[in-house]
């Protein structure tokens, strides 16, 4: 899954009025991938393997910019960026299930989240008036990857292994730049 946001705000005041610009982006994901064998199920693979696998990968990308300029007045620019992942990858074999395979039996849950935020805020003022620029970037990882085998389940591999594995890989890149300039008015 790929979710993106691009926002630009520009503000200019030449008449002595305050100039202010700002952008806000909030991206929240709640996606889930589930692979399940129900309670009491019976599955046999006479010549191969049994794989119960859930994979959930996502990329959240947000690019924000804000700029403002004022002549003879104050100027301000800012960005606020919030990226939240609540993603799940769930692989399960239910209670009292029976799985038999010639080769491997794998119960696998994996997921990768990449949260990338890039922000820029710039403000300028003349005549000795104040200028301010600021950025806020928040990334929240609430990811769940789970691989389970229920109570009293019977799992058999004749020639290979039984693997129950949950894997998660989280990456974040955050770039925030803010600046402001004001001349002395002289």
Protein backbone atom coordinates (compact mmCIF):
# COMPACT_ATOMS: atom_id res chain seq x y z
CA UNK A 1 0.00 0.00 0.00
CA UNK A 2 1.27 3.45 -0.90
CA UNK A 3 -0.28 6.59 0.60
CA UNK A 4 1.00 10.05 -0.23
CA UNK A 5 0.42 13.70 0.49
CA UNK A 6 1.76 16.81 -1.23
CA UNK A 7 0.88 20.26 0.04
CA UNK A 8 2.28 23.75 -0.67
CA UNK A 9 1.18 27.04 0.89
CA UNK A 10 2.45 30.45 -0.25
CA UNK A 11 1.60 33.83 1.28
CA UNK A 12 2.84 37.28 0.25
CA UNK A 13 1.96 40.67 1.64
CA UNK A 14 3.31 43.87 0.11
CA UNK A 15 0.85 46.26 1.77
CA UNK A 16 2.14 46.01 5.33
CA UNK A 17 -0.26 43.26 6.36
CA UNK A 18 0.95 40.21 8.24
CA UNK A 19 1.81 37.25 5.99
CA UNK A 20 1.31 33.72 7.30
CA UNK A 21 1.34 30.38 5.51
CA UNK A 22 0.90 26.86 6.76
CA UNK A 23 0.27 23.27 5.72
CA UNK A 24 -0.96 20.27 7.71
CA UNK A 25 -1.02 16.61 6.66
CA UNK A 26 -2.26 13.63 8.68
CA UNK A 27 -2.07 10.10 7.22
CA UNK A 28 -3.35 7.12 9.25
CA UNK A 29 -3.44 3.52 7.98
CA UNK A 30 -5.43 0.65 9.46
CA UNK A 31 -4.83 -2.03 6.82
CA UNK A 32 -4.57 -5.73 7.62
CA UNK A 33 -3.45 -8.92 5.89
CA UNK A 34 -4.70 -12.19 7.38
CA UNK A 35 -4.03 -15.82 6.50
CA UNK A 36 -5.82 -18.36 8.68
CA UNK A 37 -6.66 -22.03 8.90
CA UNK A 38 -9.76 -22.43 11.05
CA UNK A 39 -10.18 -24.45 14.22
CA UNK A 40 -10.67 -28.16 13.61
CA UNK A 41 -9.57 -27.95 9.96
CA UNK A 42 -7.59 -30.79 8.36
CA UNK A 43 -5.15 -30.12 5.52
CA UNK A 44 -2.82 -32.65 3.91
CA UNK A 45 -0.17 -32.08 1.25
CA UNK A 46 1.14 -35.44 0.04
CA UNK A 47 3.89 -34.07 -2.25
CA UNK A 48 4.52 -30.48 -1.21
CA UNK A 49 4.50 -27.95 1.59
CA UNK A 50 1.81 -26.08 3.49
CA UNK A 51 2.27 -22.32 3.77
CA UNK A 52 0.05 -20.05 5.83
CA UNK A 53 1.50 -16.62 5.08
CA UNK A 54 0.34 -13.04 5.60
CA UNK A 55 2.38 -10.12 4.28
CA UNK A 56 1.56 -6.44 4.66
CA UNK A 57 3.94 -3.80 3.29
CA UNK A 58 3.25 -0.08 3.18
CA UNK A 59 4.83 3.24 2.25
CA UNK A 60 3.55 6.50 3.71
CA UNK A 61 5.05 9.56 2.00
CA UNK A 62 4.33 13.19 2.77
CA UNK A 63 5.93 16.28 1.23
CA UNK A 64 4.99 19.67 2.73
CA UNK A 65 6.19 23.22 2.05
CA UNK A 66 5.12 26.61 3.33
CA UNK A 67 6.55 30.05 2.56
CA UNK A 68 5.56 33.59 3.43
CA UNK A 69 7.00 37.06 2.87
CA UNK A 70 5.88 40.48 4.09
CA UNK A 71 6.99 44.06 3.54
CA UNK A 72 6.72 46.21 6.68
CA UNK A 73 4.89 43.49 8.64
CA UNK A 74 5.48 40.22 10.48
CA UNK A 75 5.75 36.96 8.56
CA UNK A 76 5.37 33.33 9.57
CA UNK A 77 5.36 29.92 7.91
CA UNK A 78 4.92 26.43 9.30
CA UNK A 79 4.21 22.80 8.54
CA UNK A 80 2.74 19.99 10.67
CA UNK A 81 3.03 16.40 9.46
CA UNK A 82 1.68 13.27 11.26
CA UNK A 83 2.15 9.74 9.86
CA UNK A 84 0.57 6.80 11.75
CA UNK A 85 0.62 3.09 10.86
CA UNK A 86 -1.74 0.66 12.61
CA UNK A 87 -1.04 -2.12 10.09
CA UNK A 88 -1.37 -5.84 10.85
CA UNK A 89 -0.09 -9.07 9.34
CA UNK A 90 -1.68 -12.10 11.02
CA UNK A 91 -1.04 -15.77 10.18
CA UNK A 92 -2.71 -18.44 12.29
CA UNK A 93 -3.63 -22.09 12.59
CA UNK A 94 -6.72 -22.62 14.75
CA UNK A 95 -7.27 -24.84 17.77
CA UNK A 96 -7.29 -28.61 17.11
CA UNK A 97 -6.37 -28.12 13.42
CA UNK A 98 -4.42 -30.93 11.73
CA UNK A 99 -1.79 -30.12 9.11
CA UNK A 100 0.36 -32.80 7.48
CA UNK A 101 2.84 -32.22 4.66
CA UNK A 102 5.55 -34.15 2.86
CA UNK A 103 7.73 -31.01 2.97
CA UNK A 104 7.77 -27.97 5.25
CA UNK A 105 4.87 -26.45 7.14
CA UNK A 106 5.27 -22.67 7.47
CA UNK A 107 3.16 -20.20 9.42
CA UNK A 108 4.57 -16.79 8.52
CA UNK A 109 3.57 -13.16 9.18
CA UNK A 110 5.70 -10.34 7.83
CA UNK A 111 5.32 -6.65 7.32
CA UNK A 112 7.33 -3.59 6.45
CA UNK A 113 6.43 0.03 7.07
CA UNK A 114 8.28 2.95 5.53
CA UNK A 115 7.27 6.39 6.79
CA UNK A 116 8.87 9.28 4.91
CA UNK A 117 8.22 12.93 5.71
CA UNK A 118 9.90 15.93 4.09
CA UNK A 119 9.04 19.45 5.23
CA UNK A 120 10.15 22.99 4.47
CA UNK A 121 9.01 26.26 6.06
CA UNK A 122 10.52 29.66 5.21
CA UNK A 123 9.48 33.18 6.20
CA UNK A 124 10.87 36.61 5.43
CA UNK A 125 10.05 40.14 6.59
CA UNK A 126 11.42 43.60 6.00
CA UNK A 127 11.57 46.87 7.96
CA UNK A 128 12.78 45.10 11.09
CA UNK A 129 9.56 43.16 11.54
CA UNK A 130 9.66 39.65 13.03
CA UNK A 131 9.75 36.49 10.91
CA UNK A 132 9.30 32.91 12.11
CA UNK A 133 9.40 29.48 10.46
CA UNK A 134 8.74 26.10 12.07
CA UNK A 135 8.09 22.44 11.35
CA UNK A 136 6.65 19.55 13.37
CA UNK A 137 6.94 15.94 12.19
CA UNK A 138 5.51 12.97 14.13
CA UNK A 139 5.77 9.30 13.05
CA UNK A 140 3.89 6.62 15.03
CA UNK A 141 4.40 2.86 14.55
CA UNK A 142 1.58 0.72 16.01
CA UNK A 143 2.31 -2.28 13.81
CA UNK A 144 1.38 -5.87 14.76
CA UNK A 145 2.82 -8.97 13.07
CA UNK A 146 1.75 -12.25 14.61
CA UNK A 147 2.15 -15.95 13.69
CA UNK A 148 0.34 -18.41 15.97
CA UNK A 149 -0.67 -22.04 16.31
CA UNK A 150 -3.77 -22.77 18.42
CA UNK A 151 -4.16 -25.14 21.34
CA UNK A 152 -4.09 -28.87 20.57
CA UNK A 153 -3.15 -28.30 16.92
CA UNK A 154 -1.30 -31.21 15.29
CA UNK A 155 1.40 -30.10 12.81
CA UNK A 156 3.50 -32.67 10.95
CA UNK A 157 6.23 -32.38 8.34
CA UNK A 158 7.57 -35.72 7.08
CA UNK A 159 10.88 -34.58 5.59
CA UNK A 160 11.39 -30.94 6.53
CA UNK A 161 10.67 -28.49 9.33
CA UNK A 162 7.78 -26.67 10.92
CA UNK A 163 8.44 -22.93 11.05
CA UNK A 164 6.36 -20.34 12.92
CA UNK A 165 7.79 -16.87 12.36
CA UNK A 166 6.70 -13.24 12.60
CA UNK A 167 8.94 -10.53 11.14
CA UNK A 168 8.64 -6.77 11.15
CA UNK A 169 10.84 -4.13 9.55
CA UNK A 170 10.19 -0.45 10.21
CA UNK A 171 11.99 2.43 8.53
CA UNK A 172 11.55 6.15 8.88
CA UNK A 173 13.14 9.07 7.08
CA UNK A 174 12.44 12.55 8.37
CA UNK A 175 13.75 15.76 6.84
CA UNK A 176 12.58 19.04 8.33
CA UNK A 177 13.97 22.46 7.41
CA UNK A 178 12.73 25.76 8.81
CA UNK A 179 14.12 29.25 8.50
CA UNK A 180 13.26 32.89 8.83
CA UNK A 181 14.95 36.16 7.94
CA UNK A 182 14.25 39.81 8.63
CA UNK A 183 16.25 42.87 7.66
CA UNK A 184 16.92 45.74 10.06
CA UNK A 185 14.78 48.21 8.22
CA UNK A 186 17.67 50.65 7.86
